Each structure stands twice: as C-alpha cells, then as structure tokens.
Full PDB file with SEQRES, HELIX, SHEET, SSBOND, CRYST1, ORIGX, SCALE, CONECT and MASTER records, all heavy atoms in Angstrom:
SEQRES   1 A   39  ASN ASP VAL LEU SER VAL PRO ASN TYR PRO ILE THR ILE          
SEQRES   2 A   39  ASP PRO ILE LYS PHE SER GLN SER TYR TYR GLY GLN ALA          
SEQRES   3 A   39  ILE LYS PRO VAL GLY LYS ALA ASN GLU GLU LYS ILE SER          
HELIX    1 AA1 LYS A   32  LYS A   37  1                                   6    
CRYST1    1.000    1.000    1.000  90.00  90.00  90.00 P 1           1          
ORIGX1      1.000000  0.000000  0.000000        0.00000                         
ORIGX2      0.000000  1.000000  0.000000        0.00000                         
ORIGX3      0.000000  0.000000  1.000000        0.00000                         
SCALE1      1.000000  0.000000  0.000000        0.00000                         
SCALE2      0.000000  1.000000  0.000000        0.00000                         
SCALE3      0.000000  0.000000  1.000000        0.00000                         
ATOM      1  N   ASN A   1      -9.225  -1.884   0.969  1.00  0.00           N  
ATOM      2  CA  ASN A   1     -10.174  -0.844   1.416  1.00  0.00           C  
ATOM      3  C   ASN A   1     -11.067  -0.311   0.302  1.00  0.00           C  
ATOM      4  O   ASN A   1     -11.875   0.590   0.540  1.00  0.00           O  
ATOM      5  CB  ASN A   1      -9.469   0.330   2.112  1.00  0.00           C  
ATOM      6  CG  ASN A   1      -9.273   0.085   3.597  1.00  0.00           C  
ATOM      7  OD1 ASN A   1     -10.054  -0.628   4.224  1.00  0.00           O  
ATOM      8  ND2 ASN A   1      -8.235   0.668   4.172  1.00  0.00           N  
ATOM      9  N   ASP A   2     -10.957  -0.868  -0.895  1.00  0.00           N  
ATOM     10  CA  ASP A   2     -11.853  -0.448  -1.983  1.00  0.00           C  
ATOM     11  C   ASP A   2     -13.210  -1.127  -1.855  1.00  0.00           C  
ATOM     12  O   ASP A   2     -13.309  -2.275  -1.408  1.00  0.00           O  
ATOM     13  CB  ASP A   2     -11.254  -0.788  -3.347  1.00  0.00           C  
ATOM     14  CG  ASP A   2     -10.205   0.231  -3.788  1.00  0.00           C  
ATOM     15  OD1 ASP A   2     -10.080   1.272  -3.113  1.00  0.00           O  
ATOM     16  OD2 ASP A   2      -9.526  -0.022  -4.800  1.00  0.00           O  
ATOM     17  N   VAL A   3     -14.246  -0.396  -2.255  1.00  0.00           N  
ATOM     18  CA  VAL A   3     -15.600  -0.946  -2.361  1.00  0.00           C  
ATOM     19  C   VAL A   3     -15.973  -1.002  -3.830  1.00  0.00           C  
ATOM     20  O   VAL A   3     -15.825  -0.011  -4.561  1.00  0.00           O  
ATOM     21  CB  VAL A   3     -16.621  -0.081  -1.594  1.00  0.00           C  
ATOM     22  CG1 VAL A   3     -18.047  -0.554  -1.870  1.00  0.00           C  
ATOM     23  CG2 VAL A   3     -16.344  -0.128  -0.098  1.00  0.00           C  
ATOM     24  N   LEU A   4     -16.432  -2.165  -4.283  1.00  0.00           N  
ATOM     25  CA  LEU A   4     -16.937  -2.335  -5.642  1.00  0.00           C  
ATOM     26  C   LEU A   4     -18.414  -2.677  -5.559  1.00  0.00           C  
ATOM     27  O   LEU A   4     -18.828  -3.482  -4.720  1.00  0.00           O  
ATOM     28  CB  LEU A   4     -16.189  -3.450  -6.382  1.00  0.00           C  
ATOM     29  CG  LEU A   4     -14.815  -3.108  -6.991  1.00  0.00           C  
ATOM     30  CD1 LEU A   4     -13.784  -2.794  -5.916  1.00  0.00           C  
ATOM     31  CD2 LEU A   4     -14.330  -4.259  -7.885  1.00  0.00           C  
ATOM     32  N   SER A   5     -19.206  -2.056  -6.408  1.00  0.00           N  
ATOM     33  CA  SER A   5     -20.646  -2.337  -6.405  1.00  0.00           C  
ATOM     34  C   SER A   5     -21.189  -2.205  -7.819  1.00  0.00           C  
ATOM     35  O   SER A   5     -20.535  -1.650  -8.708  1.00  0.00           O  
ATOM     36  CB  SER A   5     -21.384  -1.376  -5.462  1.00  0.00           C  
ATOM     37  OG  SER A   5     -21.216  -0.030  -5.878  1.00  0.00           O  
ATOM     38  N   VAL A   6     -22.414  -2.708  -8.021  1.00  0.00           N  
ATOM     39  CA  VAL A   6     -23.032  -2.603  -9.337  1.00  0.00           C  
ATOM     40  C   VAL A   6     -23.272  -1.131  -9.664  1.00  0.00           C  
ATOM     41  O   VAL A   6     -23.370  -0.286  -8.757  1.00  0.00           O  
ATOM     42  CB  VAL A   6     -24.348  -3.401  -9.391  1.00  0.00           C  
ATOM     43  CG1 VAL A   6     -24.062  -4.890  -9.252  1.00  0.00           C  
ATOM     44  CG2 VAL A   6     -25.317  -2.938  -8.313  1.00  0.00           C  
ATOM     45  N   PRO A   7     -23.328  -0.761 -10.928  1.00  0.00           N  
ATOM     46  CA  PRO A   7     -23.374   0.656 -11.321  1.00  0.00           C  
ATOM     47  C   PRO A   7     -24.472   1.480 -10.656  1.00  0.00           C  
ATOM     48  O   PRO A   7     -24.258   2.652 -10.346  1.00  0.00           O  
ATOM     49  CB  PRO A   7     -23.578   0.578 -12.838  1.00  0.00           C  
ATOM     50  CG  PRO A   7     -22.928  -0.714 -13.236  1.00  0.00           C  
ATOM     51  CD  PRO A   7     -23.219  -1.657 -12.107  1.00  0.00           C  
ATOM     52  N   ASN A   8     -25.636   0.894 -10.407  1.00  0.00           N  
ATOM     53  CA  ASN A   8     -26.753   1.680  -9.855  1.00  0.00           C  
ATOM     54  C   ASN A   8     -26.792   1.671  -8.319  1.00  0.00           C  
ATOM     55  O   ASN A   8     -27.798   2.033  -7.718  1.00  0.00           O  
ATOM     56  CB  ASN A   8     -28.083   1.143 -10.393  1.00  0.00           C  
ATOM     57  CG  ASN A   8     -28.342  -0.299  -9.981  1.00  0.00           C  
ATOM     58  OD1 ASN A   8     -27.431  -0.995  -9.551  1.00  0.00           O  
ATOM     59  ND2 ASN A   8     -29.582  -0.741 -10.129  1.00  0.00           N  
ATOM     60  N   TYR A   9     -25.678   1.270  -7.693  1.00  0.00           N  
ATOM     61  CA  TYR A   9     -25.635   1.204  -6.230  1.00  0.00           C  
ATOM     62  C   TYR A   9     -24.338   1.865  -5.738  1.00  0.00           C  
ATOM     63  O   TYR A   9     -23.386   1.203  -5.334  1.00  0.00           O  
ATOM     64  CB  TYR A   9     -25.701  -0.262  -5.780  1.00  0.00           C  
ATOM     65  CG  TYR A   9     -25.999  -0.457  -4.304  1.00  0.00           C  
ATOM     66  CD1 TYR A   9     -27.040   0.224  -3.666  1.00  0.00           C  
ATOM     67  CD2 TYR A   9     -25.245  -1.347  -3.544  1.00  0.00           C  
ATOM     68  CE1 TYR A   9     -27.310   0.028  -2.324  1.00  0.00           C  
ATOM     69  CE2 TYR A   9     -25.510  -1.555  -2.196  1.00  0.00           C  
ATOM     70  CZ  TYR A   9     -26.548  -0.860  -1.593  1.00  0.00           C  
ATOM     71  OH  TYR A   9     -26.815  -1.059  -0.251  1.00  0.00           O  
ATOM     72  N   PRO A  10     -24.300   3.200  -5.732  1.00  0.00           N  
ATOM     73  CA  PRO A  10     -23.049   3.935  -5.445  1.00  0.00           C  
ATOM     74  C   PRO A  10     -22.775   4.074  -3.945  1.00  0.00           C  
ATOM     75  O   PRO A  10     -23.014   5.121  -3.345  1.00  0.00           O  
ATOM     76  CB  PRO A  10     -23.306   5.300  -6.086  1.00  0.00           C  
ATOM     77  CG  PRO A  10     -24.784   5.497  -5.939  1.00  0.00           C  
ATOM     78  CD  PRO A  10     -25.408   4.128  -6.078  1.00  0.00           C  
ATOM     79  N   ILE A  11     -22.249   3.019  -3.307  1.00  0.00           N  
ATOM     80  CA  ILE A  11     -22.011   3.073  -1.852  1.00  0.00           C  
ATOM     81  C   ILE A  11     -20.537   2.868  -1.536  1.00  0.00           C  
ATOM     82  O   ILE A  11     -19.760   2.358  -2.348  1.00  0.00           O  
ATOM     83  CB  ILE A  11     -22.838   2.013  -1.094  1.00  0.00           C  
ATOM     84  CG1 ILE A  11     -22.338   0.596  -1.430  1.00  0.00           C  
ATOM     85  CG2 ILE A  11     -24.309   2.173  -1.355  1.00  0.00           C  
ATOM     86  CD1 ILE A  11     -22.719  -0.445  -0.412  1.00  0.00           C  
ATOM     87  N   THR A  12     -20.177   3.286  -0.338  1.00  0.00           N  
ATOM     88  CA  THR A  12     -18.877   2.961   0.225  1.00  0.00           C  
ATOM     89  C   THR A  12     -19.058   2.786   1.730  1.00  0.00           C  
ATOM     90  O   THR A  12     -20.123   3.101   2.270  1.00  0.00           O  
ATOM     91  CB  THR A  12     -17.837   4.052  -0.084  1.00  0.00           C  
ATOM     92  OG1 THR A  12     -16.544   3.604   0.337  1.00  0.00           O  
ATOM     93  CG2 THR A  12     -18.175   5.350   0.635  1.00  0.00           C  
ATOM     94  N   ILE A  13     -18.053   2.253   2.404  1.00  0.00           N  
ATOM     95  CA  ILE A  13     -18.116   2.061   3.858  1.00  0.00           C  
ATOM     96  C   ILE A  13     -16.816   2.574   4.474  1.00  0.00           C  
ATOM     97  O   ILE A  13     -15.854   2.886   3.763  1.00  0.00           O  
ATOM     98  CB  ILE A  13     -18.340   0.584   4.248  1.00  0.00           C  
ATOM     99  CG1 ILE A  13     -17.136  -0.272   3.824  1.00  0.00           C  
ATOM    100  CG2 ILE A  13     -19.626   0.048   3.654  1.00  0.00           C  
ATOM    101  CD1 ILE A  13     -17.156  -1.684   4.378  1.00  0.00           C  
ATOM    102  N   ASP A  14     -16.803   2.667   5.799  1.00  0.00           N  
ATOM    103  CA  ASP A  14     -15.583   3.097   6.477  1.00  0.00           C  
ATOM    104  C   ASP A  14     -14.462   2.092   6.212  1.00  0.00           C  
ATOM    105  O   ASP A  14     -14.674   0.880   6.266  1.00  0.00           O  
ATOM    106  CB  ASP A  14     -15.808   3.208   7.986  1.00  0.00           C  
ATOM    107  CG  ASP A  14     -16.679   4.402   8.352  1.00  0.00           C  
ATOM    108  OD1 ASP A  14     -16.641   5.401   7.607  1.00  0.00           O  
ATOM    109  OD2 ASP A  14     -17.398   4.331   9.370  1.00  0.00           O  
ATOM    110  N   PRO A  15     -13.266   2.585   5.940  1.00  0.00           N  
ATOM    111  CA  PRO A  15     -12.138   1.683   5.665  1.00  0.00           C  
ATOM    112  C   PRO A  15     -11.591   1.051   6.934  1.00  0.00           C  
ATOM    113  O   PRO A  15     -11.915   1.462   8.051  1.00  0.00           O  
ATOM    114  CB  PRO A  15     -11.097   2.624   5.033  1.00  0.00           C  
ATOM    115  CG  PRO A  15     -11.382   3.953   5.677  1.00  0.00           C  
ATOM    116  CD  PRO A  15     -12.883   3.998   5.848  1.00  0.00           C  
ATOM    117  N   ILE A  16     -10.747   0.056   6.763  1.00  0.00           N  
ATOM    118  CA  ILE A  16     -10.001  -0.516   7.881  1.00  0.00           C  
ATOM    119  C   ILE A  16      -9.033   0.548   8.392  1.00  0.00           C  
ATOM    120  O   ILE A  16      -8.317   1.172   7.619  1.00  0.00           O  
ATOM    121  CB  ILE A  16      -9.209  -1.756   7.433  1.00  0.00           C  
ATOM    122  CG1 ILE A  16     -10.133  -2.791   6.791  1.00  0.00           C  
ATOM    123  CG2 ILE A  16      -8.454  -2.380   8.610  1.00  0.00           C  
ATOM    124  CD1 ILE A  16      -9.386  -3.871   6.024  1.00  0.00           C  
ATOM    125  N   LYS A  17      -9.013   0.764   9.691  1.00  0.00           N  
ATOM    126  CA  LYS A  17      -8.073   1.715  10.278  1.00  0.00           C  
ATOM    127  C   LYS A  17      -6.813   0.962  10.701  1.00  0.00           C  
ATOM    128  O   LYS A  17      -6.751   0.380  11.771  1.00  0.00           O  
ATOM    129  CB  LYS A  17      -8.710   2.425  11.472  1.00  0.00           C  
ATOM    130  CG  LYS A  17      -9.875   3.322  11.078  1.00  0.00           C  
ATOM    131  CD  LYS A  17     -10.478   4.023  12.299  1.00  0.00           C  
ATOM    132  CE  LYS A  17     -11.633   4.916  11.874  1.00  0.00           C  
ATOM    133  NZ  LYS A  17     -12.269   5.587  13.046  1.00  0.00           N  
ATOM    134  N   PHE A  18      -5.846   0.973   9.809  1.00  0.00           N  
ATOM    135  CA  PHE A  18      -4.606   0.261  10.084  1.00  0.00           C  
ATOM    136  C   PHE A  18      -3.717   1.067  11.029  1.00  0.00           C  
ATOM    137  O   PHE A  18      -3.732   2.296  11.023  1.00  0.00           O  
ATOM    138  CB  PHE A  18      -3.846  -0.010   8.785  1.00  0.00           C  
ATOM    139  CG  PHE A  18      -4.484  -1.053   7.911  1.00  0.00           C  
ATOM    140  CD1 PHE A  18      -5.193  -0.697   6.779  1.00  0.00           C  
ATOM    141  CD2 PHE A  18      -4.375  -2.396   8.223  1.00  0.00           C  
ATOM    142  CE1 PHE A  18      -5.785  -1.647   5.968  1.00  0.00           C  
ATOM    143  CE2 PHE A  18      -4.961  -3.359   7.425  1.00  0.00           C  
ATOM    144  CZ  PHE A  18      -5.669  -2.986   6.291  1.00  0.00           C  
ATOM    145  N   SER A  19      -2.940   0.362  11.822  1.00  0.00           N  
ATOM    146  CA  SER A  19      -2.003   1.013  12.734  1.00  0.00           C  
ATOM    147  C   SER A  19      -0.973   1.807  11.952  1.00  0.00           C  
ATOM    148  O   SER A  19      -0.538   1.392  10.868  1.00  0.00           O  
ATOM    149  CB  SER A  19      -1.290  -0.030  13.599  1.00  0.00           C  
ATOM    150  OG  SER A  19      -2.200  -0.693  14.440  1.00  0.00           O  
ATOM    151  N   GLN A  20      -0.583   2.955  12.512  1.00  0.00           N  
ATOM    152  CA  GLN A  20       0.440   3.784  11.885  1.00  0.00           C  
ATOM    153  C   GLN A  20       1.826   3.199  12.147  1.00  0.00           C  
ATOM    154  O   GLN A  20       2.088   2.631  13.199  1.00  0.00           O  
ATOM    155  CB  GLN A  20       0.373   5.206  12.435  1.00  0.00           C  
ATOM    156  CG  GLN A  20      -0.866   5.973  11.996  1.00  0.00           C  
ATOM    157  CD  GLN A  20      -0.857   6.264  10.501  1.00  0.00           C  
ATOM    158  OE1 GLN A  20       0.115   6.766   9.962  1.00  0.00           O  
ATOM    159  NE2 GLN A  20      -1.950   5.935   9.839  1.00  0.00           N  
ATOM    160  N   SER A  21       2.699   3.358  11.175  1.00  0.00           N  
ATOM    161  CA  SER A  21       4.055   2.829  11.274  1.00  0.00           C  
ATOM    162  C   SER A  21       5.037   3.964  11.538  1.00  0.00           C  
ATOM    163  O   SER A  21       5.131   4.906  10.745  1.00  0.00           O  
ATOM    164  CB  SER A  21       4.437   2.108   9.978  1.00  0.00           C  
ATOM    165  OG  SER A  21       3.553   1.033   9.728  1.00  0.00           O  
ATOM    166  N   TYR A  22       5.760   3.856  12.655  1.00  0.00           N  
ATOM    167  CA  TYR A  22       6.742   4.880  13.015  1.00  0.00           C  
ATOM    168  C   TYR A  22       8.150   4.325  13.166  1.00  0.00           C  
ATOM    169  O   TYR A  22       9.103   5.092  13.269  1.00  0.00           O  
ATOM    170  CB  TYR A  22       6.332   5.557  14.332  1.00  0.00           C  
ATOM    171  CG  TYR A  22       5.000   6.268  14.257  1.00  0.00           C  
ATOM    172  CD1 TYR A  22       3.883   5.773  14.919  1.00  0.00           C  
ATOM    173  CD2 TYR A  22       4.851   7.437  13.515  1.00  0.00           C  
ATOM    174  CE1 TYR A  22       2.658   6.424  14.852  1.00  0.00           C  
ATOM    175  CE2 TYR A  22       3.640   8.095  13.442  1.00  0.00           C  
ATOM    176  CZ  TYR A  22       2.549   7.584  14.122  1.00  0.00           C  
ATOM    177  OH  TYR A  22       1.337   8.234  14.043  1.00  0.00           O  
ATOM    178  N   TYR A  23       8.285   3.002  13.191  1.00  0.00           N  
ATOM    179  CA  TYR A  23       9.620   2.411  13.310  1.00  0.00           C  
ATOM    180  C   TYR A  23      10.233   2.332  11.922  1.00  0.00           C  
ATOM    181  O   TYR A  23       9.698   1.659  11.036  1.00  0.00           O  
ATOM    182  CB  TYR A  23       9.547   1.016  13.930  1.00  0.00           C  
ATOM    183  CG  TYR A  23      10.902   0.359  14.060  1.00  0.00           C  
ATOM    184  CD1 TYR A  23      11.721   0.655  15.139  1.00  0.00           C  
ATOM    185  CD2 TYR A  23      11.374  -0.518  13.104  1.00  0.00           C  
ATOM    186  CE1 TYR A  23      12.976   0.075  15.264  1.00  0.00           C  
ATOM    187  CE2 TYR A  23      12.616  -1.115  13.207  1.00  0.00           C  
ATOM    188  CZ  TYR A  23      13.412  -0.805  14.291  1.00  0.00           C  
ATOM    189  OH  TYR A  23      14.655  -1.381  14.399  1.00  0.00           O  
ATOM    190  N   GLY A  24      11.351   3.024  11.731  1.00  0.00           N  
ATOM    191  CA  GLY A  24      11.925   3.091  10.398  1.00  0.00           C  
ATOM    192  C   GLY A  24      13.391   2.720  10.339  1.00  0.00           C  
ATOM    193  O   GLY A  24      14.141   2.885  11.305  1.00  0.00           O  
ATOM    194  N   GLN A  25      13.790   2.214   9.189  1.00  0.00           N  
ATOM    195  CA  GLN A  25      15.189   2.001   8.860  1.00  0.00           C  
ATOM    196  C   GLN A  25      15.376   2.268   7.370  1.00  0.00           C  
ATOM    197  O   GLN A  25      14.432   2.156   6.578  1.00  0.00           O  
ATOM    198  CB  GLN A  25      15.639   0.581   9.208  1.00  0.00           C  
ATOM    199  CG  GLN A  25      15.768   0.321  10.711  1.00  0.00           C  
ATOM    200  CD  GLN A  25      16.542  -0.943  11.009  1.00  0.00           C  
ATOM    201  OE1 GLN A  25      16.055  -2.043  10.799  1.00  0.00           O  
ATOM    202  NE2 GLN A  25      17.759  -0.782  11.503  1.00  0.00           N  
ATOM    203  N   ALA A  26      16.600   2.629   7.023  1.00  0.00           N  
ATOM    204  CA  ALA A  26      16.907   2.847   5.612  1.00  0.00           C  
ATOM    205  C   ALA A  26      17.166   1.498   4.949  1.00  0.00           C  
ATOM    206  O   ALA A  26      17.818   0.629   5.531  1.00  0.00           O  
ATOM    207  CB  ALA A  26      18.112   3.759   5.470  1.00  0.00           C  
ATOM    208  N   ILE A  27      16.654   1.341   3.762  1.00  0.00           N  
ATOM    209  CA  ILE A  27      16.821   0.088   3.039  1.00  0.00           C  
ATOM    210  C   ILE A  27      17.761   0.338   1.860  1.00  0.00           C  
ATOM    211  O   ILE A  27      17.593   1.293   1.108  1.00  0.00           O  
ATOM    212  CB  ILE A  27      15.454  -0.469   2.580  1.00  0.00           C  
ATOM    213  CG1 ILE A  27      15.591  -1.870   2.008  1.00  0.00           C  
ATOM    214  CG2 ILE A  27      14.747   0.468   1.615  1.00  0.00           C  
ATOM    215  CD1 ILE A  27      14.264  -2.594   1.836  1.00  0.00           C  
ATOM    216  N   LYS A  28      18.770  -0.502   1.759  1.00  0.00           N  
ATOM    217  CA  LYS A  28      19.829  -0.275   0.777  1.00  0.00           C  
ATOM    218  C   LYS A  28      20.039  -1.525  -0.068  1.00  0.00           C  
ATOM    219  O   LYS A  28      20.390  -2.590   0.455  1.00  0.00           O  
ATOM    220  CB  LYS A  28      21.128   0.093   1.498  1.00  0.00           C  
ATOM    221  CG  LYS A  28      22.255   0.530   0.579  1.00  0.00           C  
ATOM    222  CD  LYS A  28      23.473   0.961   1.398  1.00  0.00           C  
ATOM    223  CE  LYS A  28      24.593   1.444   0.492  1.00  0.00           C  
ATOM    224  NZ  LYS A  28      25.775   1.880   1.277  1.00  0.00           N  
ATOM    225  N   PRO A  29      19.788  -1.436  -1.384  1.00  0.00           N  
ATOM    226  CA  PRO A  29      20.014  -2.595  -2.251  1.00  0.00           C  
ATOM    227  C   PRO A  29      21.488  -2.998  -2.255  1.00  0.00           C  
ATOM    228  O   PRO A  29      22.378  -2.152  -2.200  1.00  0.00           O  
ATOM    229  CB  PRO A  29      19.582  -2.100  -3.632  1.00  0.00           C  
ATOM    230  CG  PRO A  29      18.772  -0.872  -3.380  1.00  0.00           C  
ATOM    231  CD  PRO A  29      19.299  -0.268  -2.122  1.00  0.00           C  
ATOM    232  N   VAL A  30      21.730  -4.300  -2.304  1.00  0.00           N  
ATOM    233  CA  VAL A  30      23.093  -4.811  -2.363  1.00  0.00           C  
ATOM    234  C   VAL A  30      23.415  -5.118  -3.817  1.00  0.00           C  
ATOM    235  O   VAL A  30      22.932  -6.098  -4.382  1.00  0.00           O  
ATOM    236  CB  VAL A  30      23.245  -6.082  -1.495  1.00  0.00           C  
ATOM    237  CG1 VAL A  30      24.673  -6.620  -1.603  1.00  0.00           C  
ATOM    238  CG2 VAL A  30      22.888  -5.794  -0.049  1.00  0.00           C  
ATOM    239  N   GLY A  31      24.189  -4.252  -4.447  1.00  0.00           N  
ATOM    240  CA  GLY A  31      24.566  -4.471  -5.839  1.00  0.00           C  
ATOM    241  C   GLY A  31      23.699  -3.693  -6.806  1.00  0.00           C  
ATOM    242  O   GLY A  31      22.545  -3.361  -6.540  1.00  0.00           O  
ATOM    243  N   LYS A  32      24.263  -3.382  -7.957  1.00  0.00           N  
ATOM    244  CA  LYS A  32      23.595  -2.571  -8.977  1.00  0.00           C  
ATOM    245  C   LYS A  32      22.328  -3.236  -9.498  1.00  0.00           C  
ATOM    246  O   LYS A  32      21.307  -2.577  -9.718  1.00  0.00           O  
ATOM    247  CB  LYS A  32      24.574  -2.319 -10.135  1.00  0.00           C  
ATOM    248  CG  LYS A  32      24.052  -1.389 -11.213  1.00  0.00           C  
ATOM    249  CD  LYS A  32      23.910   0.034 -10.708  1.00  0.00           C  
ATOM    250  CE  LYS A  32      23.492   0.978 -11.828  1.00  0.00           C  
ATOM    251  NZ  LYS A  32      23.303   2.372 -11.354  1.00  0.00           N  
ATOM    252  N   ALA A  33      22.367  -4.536  -9.693  1.00  0.00           N  
ATOM    253  CA  ALA A  33      21.204  -5.245 -10.244  1.00  0.00           C  
ATOM    254  C   ALA A  33      19.997  -5.108  -9.336  1.00  0.00           C  
ATOM    255  O   ALA A  33      18.864  -4.944  -9.795  1.00  0.00           O  
ATOM    256  CB  ALA A  33      21.544  -6.719 -10.461  1.00  0.00           C  
ATOM    257  N   ASN A  34      20.225  -5.158  -8.030  1.00  0.00           N  
ATOM    258  CA  ASN A  34      19.121  -5.044  -7.080  1.00  0.00           C  
ATOM    259  C   ASN A  34      18.548  -3.632  -7.037  1.00  0.00           C  
ATOM    260  O   ASN A  34      17.377  -3.448  -6.733  1.00  0.00           O  
ATOM    261  CB  ASN A  34      19.586  -5.468  -5.687  1.00  0.00           C  
ATOM    262  CG  ASN A  34      19.847  -6.969  -5.602  1.00  0.00           C  
ATOM    263  OD1 ASN A  34      19.099  -7.765  -6.150  1.00  0.00           O  
ATOM    264  ND2 ASN A  34      20.918  -7.351  -4.927  1.00  0.00           N  
ATOM    265  N   GLU A  35      19.367  -2.612  -7.310  1.00  0.00           N  
ATOM    266  CA  GLU A  35      18.889  -1.236  -7.329  1.00  0.00           C  
ATOM    267  C   GLU A  35      17.792  -1.056  -8.374  1.00  0.00           C  
ATOM    268  O   GLU A  35      16.838  -0.313  -8.176  1.00  0.00           O  
ATOM    269  CB  GLU A  35      20.048  -0.278  -7.637  1.00  0.00           C  
ATOM    270  CG  GLU A  35      21.026  -0.099  -6.495  1.00  0.00           C  
ATOM    271  CD  GLU A  35      22.120   0.893  -6.839  1.00  0.00           C  
ATOM    272  OE1 GLU A  35      21.949   1.635  -7.831  1.00  0.00           O  
ATOM    273  OE2 GLU A  35      23.138   0.927  -6.136  1.00  0.00           O  
ATOM    274  N   GLU A  36      17.928  -1.726  -9.484  1.00  0.00           N  
ATOM    275  CA  GLU A  36      16.977  -1.577 -10.585  1.00  0.00           C  
ATOM    276  C   GLU A  36      15.670  -2.312 -10.317  1.00  0.00           C  
ATOM    277  O   GLU A  36      14.622  -1.936 -10.837  1.00  0.00           O  
ATOM    278  CB  GLU A  36      17.612  -2.083 -11.885  1.00  0.00           C  
ATOM    279  CG  GLU A  36      18.869  -1.301 -12.284  1.00  0.00           C  
ATOM    280  CD  GLU A  36      19.604  -1.940 -13.448  1.00  0.00           C  
ATOM    281  OE1 GLU A  36      19.189  -3.051 -13.871  1.00  0.00           O  
ATOM    282  OE2 GLU A  36      20.591  -1.340 -13.933  1.00  0.00           O  
ATOM    283  N   LYS A  37      15.711  -3.361  -9.484  1.00  0.00           N  
ATOM    284  CA  LYS A  37      14.517  -4.187  -9.275  1.00  0.00           C  
ATOM    285  C   LYS A  37      13.739  -3.845  -8.013  1.00  0.00           C  
ATOM    286  O   LYS A  37      12.584  -4.250  -7.876  1.00  0.00           O  
ATOM    287  CB  LYS A  37      14.925  -5.667  -9.220  1.00  0.00           C  
ATOM    288  CG  LYS A  37      15.554  -6.204 -10.494  1.00  0.00           C  
ATOM    289  CD  LYS A  37      15.795  -7.698 -10.415  1.00  0.00           C  
ATOM    290  CE  LYS A  37      16.847  -8.054  -9.383  1.00  0.00           C  
ATOM    291  NZ  LYS A  37      17.154  -9.503  -9.336  1.00  0.00           N  
ATOM    292  N   ILE A  38      14.352  -3.100  -7.092  1.00  0.00           N  
ATOM    293  CA  ILE A  38      13.755  -2.956  -5.765  1.00  0.00           C  
ATOM    294  C   ILE A  38      12.471  -2.146  -5.780  1.00  0.00           C  
ATOM    295  O   ILE A  38      11.539  -2.414  -5.021  1.00  0.00           O  
ATOM    296  CB  ILE A  38      14.761  -2.336  -4.769  1.00  0.00           C  
ATOM    297  CG1 ILE A  38      14.194  -2.427  -3.349  1.00  0.00           C  
ATOM    298  CG2 ILE A  38      15.102  -0.896  -5.145  1.00  0.00           C  
ATOM    299  CD1 ILE A  38      15.172  -2.050  -2.277  1.00  0.00           C  
ATOM    300  N   SER A  39      12.373  -1.155  -6.643  1.00  0.00           N  
ATOM    301  CA  SER A  39      11.203  -0.274  -6.646  1.00  0.00           C  
ATOM    302  C   SER A  39       9.913  -1.046  -6.911  1.00  0.00           C  
ATOM    303  O   SER A  39       8.927  -0.897  -6.189  1.00  0.00           O  
ATOM    304  CB  SER A  39      11.383   0.833  -7.687  1.00  0.00           C  
ATOM    305  OG  SER A  39      10.262   1.678  -7.705  1.00  0.00           O  
TER     306      SER A  39                                                      
MASTER        0    0    0    1    0    0    0    6  305    1    0    3          
END                                                                             
C-alpha cells in the first residue's frame, strides 16, 4: 500500500481495502528454541 514517486511529485492514492480478520486462535511455539524465533 505504499506509494513511491520522484521527489517533485508528492502523490498518494487510496490503499487496498483488505478484509478484516476476526477468526482467531492462540499460537503457541513448541519448544524453547521456537519461542525465540517465532517473533
């Protein structure tokens, strides 16, 4: 959704309107090693 343009042309456009996410679950790393890498 970023707009890049040459310095003397300061424009932007409407972003993509992505669907909202409401379906959730908790995510749990399996093992200590995975806890450190998941972020």
